Amino acid sequence: MYIGVTSDLWTRVCAHKNGTTPGFTSTYGTNRLVWYEHRLLMEVAIRREKQLKAWKRDWKIEIIEKMNPDWRDLHDEIDVLATLVSE
């Protein structure tokens, strides 16, 4: 599982799918968006990213399955499903 933060999710996922982003995703073939959250402020998004990276794998699976029980690729649905999480 890859957890990251970006200001342009759709384009970032495209880069991962195309293998143009070196690092974890290209090494391990991680190319499906199965969960995401929108945050209003980048500093809040970064804080949440660090929090999620510290979580146990089971907790991450649980949050994914609440939003996306079938683990569908949500890349083409980003704008449709977009919800802003306030903090």
N, C-alpha and C. Protein backbone atom coordinates (compact mmCIF):
# COMPACT_ATOMS: atom_id res chain seq x y z
N MET A 1 0.84 -1.19 0.00
CA MET A 1 0.00 0.00 0.00
C MET A 1 0.88 1.24 0.00
N TYR A 2 0.45 2.20 -0.77
CA TYR A 2 1.17 3.47 -0.87
C TYR A 2 0.27 4.56 -0.34
N ILE A 3 0.83 5.41 0.50
CA ILE A 3 0.10 6.57 1.02
C ILE A 3 0.92 7.80 0.66
N GLY A 4 0.25 8.79 0.07
CA GLY A 4 0.93 10.01 -0.32
C GLY A 4 -0.01 11.18 -0.29
N VAL A 5 0.54 12.34 -0.55
CA VAL A 5 -0.24 13.57 -0.58
C VAL A 5 0.08 14.32 -1.87
N THR A 6 -0.93 14.95 -2.45
CA THR A 6 -0.74 15.69 -3.69
C THR A 6 -1.81 16.76 -3.81
N SER A 7 -1.54 17.77 -4.60
CA SER A 7 -2.55 18.79 -4.87
C SER A 7 -3.29 18.49 -6.18
N ASP A 8 -2.90 17.42 -6.88
CA ASP A 8 -3.54 17.04 -8.14
C ASP A 8 -3.62 15.51 -8.20
N LEU A 9 -4.61 14.96 -7.53
CA LEU A 9 -4.72 13.51 -7.39
C LEU A 9 -4.85 12.79 -8.71
N TRP A 10 -5.71 13.29 -9.60
CA TRP A 10 -5.94 12.59 -10.87
C TRP A 10 -4.64 12.44 -11.66
N THR A 11 -3.88 13.53 -11.77
CA THR A 11 -2.62 13.50 -12.52
C THR A 11 -1.58 12.63 -11.82
N ARG A 12 -1.55 12.68 -10.50
CA ARG A 12 -0.59 11.87 -9.75
C ARG A 12 -0.85 10.39 -9.96
N VAL A 13 -2.12 10.00 -9.95
CA VAL A 13 -2.45 8.59 -10.18
C VAL A 13 -2.07 8.19 -11.61
N CYS A 14 -2.29 9.07 -12.57
CA CYS A 14 -1.88 8.79 -13.96
C CYS A 14 -0.38 8.49 -14.03
N ALA A 15 0.40 9.31 -13.35
CA ALA A 15 1.85 9.11 -13.35
C ALA A 15 2.21 7.75 -12.75
N HIS A 16 1.54 7.36 -11.69
CA HIS A 16 1.80 6.06 -11.08
C HIS A 16 1.38 4.93 -12.02
N LYS A 17 0.23 5.09 -12.68
CA LYS A 17 -0.24 4.06 -13.60
C LYS A 17 0.70 3.90 -14.80
N ASN A 18 1.28 5.00 -15.25
CA ASN A 18 2.18 4.97 -16.41
C ASN A 18 3.61 4.58 -16.02
N GLY A 19 3.86 4.47 -14.73
CA GLY A 19 5.19 4.08 -14.27
C GLY A 19 6.23 5.17 -14.42
N THR A 20 5.79 6.42 -14.55
CA THR A 20 6.73 7.52 -14.74
C THR A 20 7.23 8.12 -13.43
N THR A 21 6.70 7.63 -12.31
CA THR A 21 7.14 8.12 -11.02
C THR A 21 8.06 7.08 -10.39
N PRO A 22 9.36 7.38 -10.29
CA PRO A 22 10.27 6.40 -9.71
C PRO A 22 10.00 6.26 -8.20
N GLY A 23 10.32 5.10 -7.68
CA GLY A 23 10.16 4.88 -6.25
C GLY A 23 9.26 3.71 -5.96
N PHE A 24 8.58 3.80 -4.82
CA PHE A 24 7.77 2.70 -4.30
C PHE A 24 6.77 2.17 -5.32
N THR A 25 6.00 3.07 -5.94
CA THR A 25 4.93 2.61 -6.82
C THR A 25 5.44 1.90 -8.07
N SER A 26 6.52 2.39 -8.64
CA SER A 26 7.05 1.71 -9.83
C SER A 26 7.78 0.42 -9.44
N THR A 27 8.42 0.40 -8.30
CA THR A 27 9.11 -0.81 -7.84
C THR A 27 8.14 -1.94 -7.55
N TYR A 28 7.02 -1.62 -6.90
CA TYR A 28 6.08 -2.65 -6.46
C TYR A 28 4.82 -2.76 -7.33
N GLY A 29 4.75 -1.98 -8.40
CA GLY A 29 3.60 -2.06 -9.31
C GLY A 29 2.30 -1.58 -8.69
N THR A 30 2.40 -0.65 -7.78
CA THR A 30 1.22 -0.08 -7.13
C THR A 30 0.62 0.94 -8.08
N ASN A 31 -0.55 0.62 -8.67
CA ASN A 31 -1.08 1.51 -9.70
C ASN A 31 -2.60 1.63 -9.67
N ARG A 32 -3.22 1.25 -8.56
CA ARG A 32 -4.67 1.31 -8.45
C ARG A 32 -5.03 2.21 -7.27
N LEU A 33 -5.90 3.18 -7.51
CA LEU A 33 -6.38 4.06 -6.44
C LEU A 33 -7.60 3.40 -5.82
N VAL A 34 -7.48 2.99 -4.56
CA VAL A 34 -8.59 2.29 -3.92
C VAL A 34 -9.21 3.10 -2.77
N TRP A 35 -8.58 4.21 -2.40
CA TRP A 35 -9.10 5.04 -1.31
C TRP A 35 -8.41 6.40 -1.36
N TYR A 36 -9.12 7.43 -0.95
CA TYR A 36 -8.52 8.76 -0.84
C TYR A 36 -9.39 9.65 0.02
N GLU A 37 -8.81 10.74 0.46
CA GLU A 37 -9.53 11.79 1.18
C GLU A 37 -9.09 13.12 0.58
N HIS A 38 -10.02 14.05 0.52
CA HIS A 38 -9.69 15.42 0.12
C HIS A 38 -9.55 16.26 1.38
N ARG A 39 -8.56 17.09 1.43
CA ARG A 39 -8.36 18.02 2.55
C ARG A 39 -8.27 19.43 1.99
N LEU A 40 -8.78 20.39 2.73
CA LEU A 40 -8.80 21.78 2.30
C LEU A 40 -7.40 22.40 2.32
N LEU A 41 -6.63 22.11 3.34
CA LEU A 41 -5.30 22.71 3.51
C LEU A 41 -4.21 21.65 3.38
N MET A 42 -3.14 22.00 2.68
CA MET A 42 -2.04 21.06 2.47
C MET A 42 -1.41 20.64 3.80
N GLU A 43 -1.28 21.57 4.74
CA GLU A 43 -0.66 21.20 6.03
C GLU A 43 -1.51 20.16 6.76
N VAL A 44 -2.82 20.25 6.62
CA VAL A 44 -3.72 19.27 7.24
C VAL A 44 -3.58 17.93 6.51
N ALA A 45 -3.46 17.97 5.19
CA ALA A 45 -3.29 16.74 4.40
C ALA A 45 -1.98 16.04 4.77
N ILE A 46 -0.93 16.79 4.95
CA ILE A 46 0.37 16.21 5.32
C ILE A 46 0.30 15.59 6.71
N ARG A 47 -0.36 16.26 7.62
CA ARG A 47 -0.52 15.72 8.98
C ARG A 47 -1.30 14.39 8.92
N ARG A 48 -2.36 14.34 8.12
CA ARG A 48 -3.15 13.12 7.97
C ARG A 48 -2.32 12.02 7.31
N GLU A 49 -1.53 12.37 6.31
CA GLU A 49 -0.66 11.39 5.65
C GLU A 49 0.27 10.73 6.67
N LYS A 50 0.90 11.53 7.51
CA LYS A 50 1.82 10.99 8.52
C LYS A 50 1.07 10.10 9.51
N GLN A 51 -0.14 10.50 9.86
CA GLN A 51 -0.95 9.70 10.77
C GLN A 51 -1.25 8.33 10.15
N LEU A 52 -1.69 8.34 8.90
CA LEU A 52 -2.04 7.09 8.21
C LEU A 52 -0.83 6.18 8.02
N LYS A 53 0.33 6.76 7.73
CA LYS A 53 1.54 5.96 7.55
C LYS A 53 1.92 5.24 8.84
N ALA A 54 1.53 5.78 9.97
CA ALA A 54 1.84 5.15 11.27
C ALA A 54 0.83 4.06 11.64
N TRP A 55 -0.27 3.98 10.92
CA TRP A 55 -1.31 3.00 11.23
C TRP A 55 -0.85 1.58 10.92
N LYS A 56 -1.46 0.62 11.60
CA LYS A 56 -1.25 -0.79 11.28
C LYS A 56 -1.95 -1.10 9.95
N ARG A 57 -1.44 -2.10 9.25
CA ARG A 57 -2.00 -2.48 7.95
C ARG A 57 -3.49 -2.82 8.05
N ASP A 58 -3.89 -3.52 9.10
CA ASP A 58 -5.31 -3.88 9.28
C ASP A 58 -6.20 -2.65 9.35
N TRP A 59 -5.73 -1.60 10.00
CA TRP A 59 -6.51 -0.36 10.10
C TRP A 59 -6.68 0.27 8.72
N LYS A 60 -5.61 0.23 7.92
CA LYS A 60 -5.67 0.79 6.57
C LYS A 60 -6.66 0.01 5.71
N ILE A 61 -6.62 -1.30 5.83
CA ILE A 61 -7.56 -2.14 5.07
C ILE A 61 -8.99 -1.82 5.48
N GLU A 62 -9.23 -1.62 6.75
CA GLU A 62 -10.57 -1.31 7.24
C GLU A 62 -11.09 0.01 6.66
N ILE A 63 -10.26 1.03 6.61
CA ILE A 63 -10.71 2.32 6.08
C ILE A 63 -10.95 2.24 4.57
N ILE A 64 -10.15 1.45 3.87
CA ILE A 64 -10.36 1.24 2.43
C ILE A 64 -11.70 0.55 2.21
N GLU A 65 -11.95 -0.50 2.96
CA GLU A 65 -13.15 -1.30 2.73
C GLU A 65 -14.44 -0.60 3.15
N LYS A 66 -14.34 0.41 4.00
CA LYS A 66 -15.53 1.23 4.31
C LYS A 66 -15.95 2.03 3.09
N MET A 67 -14.98 2.58 2.37
CA MET A 67 -15.26 3.41 1.20
C MET A 67 -15.43 2.56 -0.06
N ASN A 68 -14.65 1.50 -0.15
CA ASN A 68 -14.53 0.76 -1.41
C ASN A 68 -14.39 -0.74 -1.11
N PRO A 69 -15.48 -1.39 -0.71
CA PRO A 69 -15.39 -2.81 -0.29
C PRO A 69 -14.89 -3.76 -1.38
N ASP A 70 -15.05 -3.40 -2.64
CA ASP A 70 -14.61 -4.27 -3.73
C ASP A 70 -13.21 -3.91 -4.23
N TRP A 71 -12.57 -2.93 -3.63
CA TRP A 71 -11.22 -2.49 -4.01
C TRP A 71 -11.17 -2.11 -5.51
N ARG A 72 -12.25 -1.45 -5.99
CA ARG A 72 -12.26 -0.97 -7.38
C ARG A 72 -11.22 0.13 -7.55
N ASP A 73 -10.75 0.31 -8.76
CA ASP A 73 -9.87 1.43 -9.07
C ASP A 73 -10.74 2.67 -9.18
N LEU A 74 -10.54 3.63 -8.30
CA LEU A 74 -11.38 4.83 -8.22
C LEU A 74 -10.85 6.00 -9.06
N HIS A 75 -9.79 5.79 -9.80
CA HIS A 75 -9.16 6.89 -10.54
C HIS A 75 -10.14 7.67 -11.40
N ASP A 76 -10.96 6.98 -12.17
CA ASP A 76 -11.89 7.68 -13.07
C ASP A 76 -13.12 8.22 -12.36
N GLU A 77 -13.25 7.94 -11.06
CA GLU A 77 -14.39 8.40 -10.29
C GLU A 77 -14.03 9.52 -9.31
N ILE A 78 -12.82 9.99 -9.34
CA ILE A 78 -12.36 10.97 -8.34
C ILE A 78 -13.29 12.16 -8.23
N ASP A 79 -13.63 12.79 -9.33
CA ASP A 79 -14.48 13.98 -9.26
C ASP A 79 -15.90 13.64 -8.81
N VAL A 80 -16.40 12.48 -9.17
CA VAL A 80 -17.74 12.06 -8.80
C VAL A 80 -17.83 11.82 -7.29
N LEU A 81 -16.83 11.22 -6.73
CA LEU A 81 -16.85 10.83 -5.32
C LEU A 81 -16.25 11.88 -4.38
N ALA A 82 -15.74 12.94 -4.94
CA ALA A 82 -15.00 13.93 -4.14
C ALA A 82 -15.83 14.44 -2.96
N THR A 83 -15.25 14.32 -1.80
CA THR A 83 -15.85 14.86 -0.59
C THR A 83 -14.75 15.54 0.20
N LEU A 84 -15.02 16.71 0.65
CA LEU A 84 -14.03 17.46 1.40
C LEU A 84 -14.15 17.10 2.87
N VAL A 85 -13.03 16.71 3.46
CA VAL A 85 -13.00 16.37 4.87
C VAL A 85 -12.45 17.58 5.62
N SER A 86 -13.26 18.14 6.47
CA SER A 86 -12.80 19.31 7.22
C SER A 86 -12.09 18.88 8.48
N GLU A 87 -11.25 19.76 8.97
CA GLU A 87 -10.55 19.48 10.21
C GLU A 87 -10.25 20.75 10.94
